[in-house]
Protein backbone atom coordinates (compact mmCIF):
# COMPACT_ATOMS: atom_id res chain seq x y z
CA MET A 1 -79.31 -20.82 -21.84
CA ASP A 2 -82.21 -19.08 -19.36
CA PHE A 3 -80.83 -17.30 -16.64
CA ASP A 4 -81.92 -16.84 -13.03
CA ALA A 5 -80.51 -15.08 -9.85
CA ASN A 6 -78.00 -17.90 -9.21
CA THR A 7 -77.00 -18.49 -12.52
CA LEU A 8 -75.88 -15.04 -13.30
CA ARG A 9 -74.24 -14.63 -9.91
CA SER A 10 -71.88 -18.03 -10.15
CA MET A 11 -71.07 -17.05 -13.98
CA ARG A 12 -70.60 -13.40 -12.86
CA GLU A 13 -68.22 -14.41 -10.44
CA SER A 14 -66.78 -17.58 -12.43
CA ALA A 15 -66.07 -14.69 -15.09
CA GLY A 16 -64.37 -12.42 -12.53
CA VAL A 17 -66.25 -9.48 -13.73
CA THR A 18 -68.00 -7.15 -11.55
CA GLN A 19 -71.98 -5.77 -11.50
CA SER A 20 -70.88 -2.88 -13.31
CA GLU A 21 -69.00 -4.34 -15.94
CA VAL A 22 -72.06 -6.39 -16.82
CA ALA A 23 -74.49 -3.50 -16.40
CA ALA A 24 -72.10 -1.64 -18.99
CA TYR A 25 -72.49 -4.14 -21.34
CA LEU A 26 -76.10 -5.00 -21.01
CA GLY A 27 -75.97 -0.65 -21.58
CA TYR A 28 -77.63 -0.11 -17.61
CA PHE A 29 -76.18 3.37 -17.15
CA THR A 30 -77.34 6.05 -14.67
CA ASN A 31 -75.73 9.67 -14.73
CA GLY A 32 -72.91 8.30 -17.24
CA GLU A 33 -71.98 5.43 -14.93
CA PRO A 34 -72.68 1.60 -15.36
CA ASN A 35 -75.46 1.05 -12.59
CA ARG A 36 -74.63 -2.33 -11.29
CA SER A 37 -77.62 -1.89 -8.92
CA ALA A 38 -79.73 -2.85 -11.65
CA VAL A 39 -77.70 -6.33 -12.23
CA SER A 40 -77.63 -6.64 -8.12
CA ASN A 41 -81.61 -6.55 -8.53
CA MET A 42 -81.34 -9.37 -11.12
CA GLU A 43 -79.11 -11.03 -8.68
CA ASN A 44 -81.28 -10.94 -6.04
CA GLY A 45 -84.57 -11.95 -7.81
CA HIS A 46 -85.83 -8.67 -7.60
CA GLN A 47 -85.71 -8.07 -11.44
CA PRO A 48 -87.00 -10.60 -13.57
CA ILE A 49 -84.48 -11.65 -15.97
CA ASN A 50 -86.02 -11.63 -19.58
CA LYS A 51 -85.19 -13.88 -22.88
CA ARG A 52 -83.25 -10.61 -24.20
CA LEU A 53 -81.48 -10.54 -21.35
CA SER A 54 -80.59 -14.08 -21.18
CA LEU A 55 -79.45 -13.74 -24.63
CA ALA A 56 -77.31 -10.90 -24.45
CA LEU A 57 -75.91 -12.51 -20.82
CA THR A 58 -75.52 -16.12 -22.96
CA ASN A 59 -73.17 -13.92 -25.53
CA TYR A 60 -71.45 -11.90 -22.63
CA PHE A 61 -70.37 -15.02 -20.86
CA LYS A 62 -69.74 -17.15 -24.02
CA ASP A 63 -67.07 -14.62 -24.60
CA LYS A 64 -65.51 -14.62 -21.65
CA GLY A 65 -65.25 -18.62 -21.84
CA ILE A 66 -67.90 -19.22 -19.32
CA SER A 67 -70.69 -21.32 -20.64
């Protein structure tokens, strides 16, 4: 599945997870804490969602029962 900003936000909200939880799964950390701003930037269209991220997000949401 290819992700765009709206798809990411919609699926994250449907799964009931925070931006911080998604950031931790993707390995985005700053000073040992999940960097939710990275996910926020993706959801707002400021950071592109490449194929590697799309694959990781597909697996993450599949594990959460969202497809």
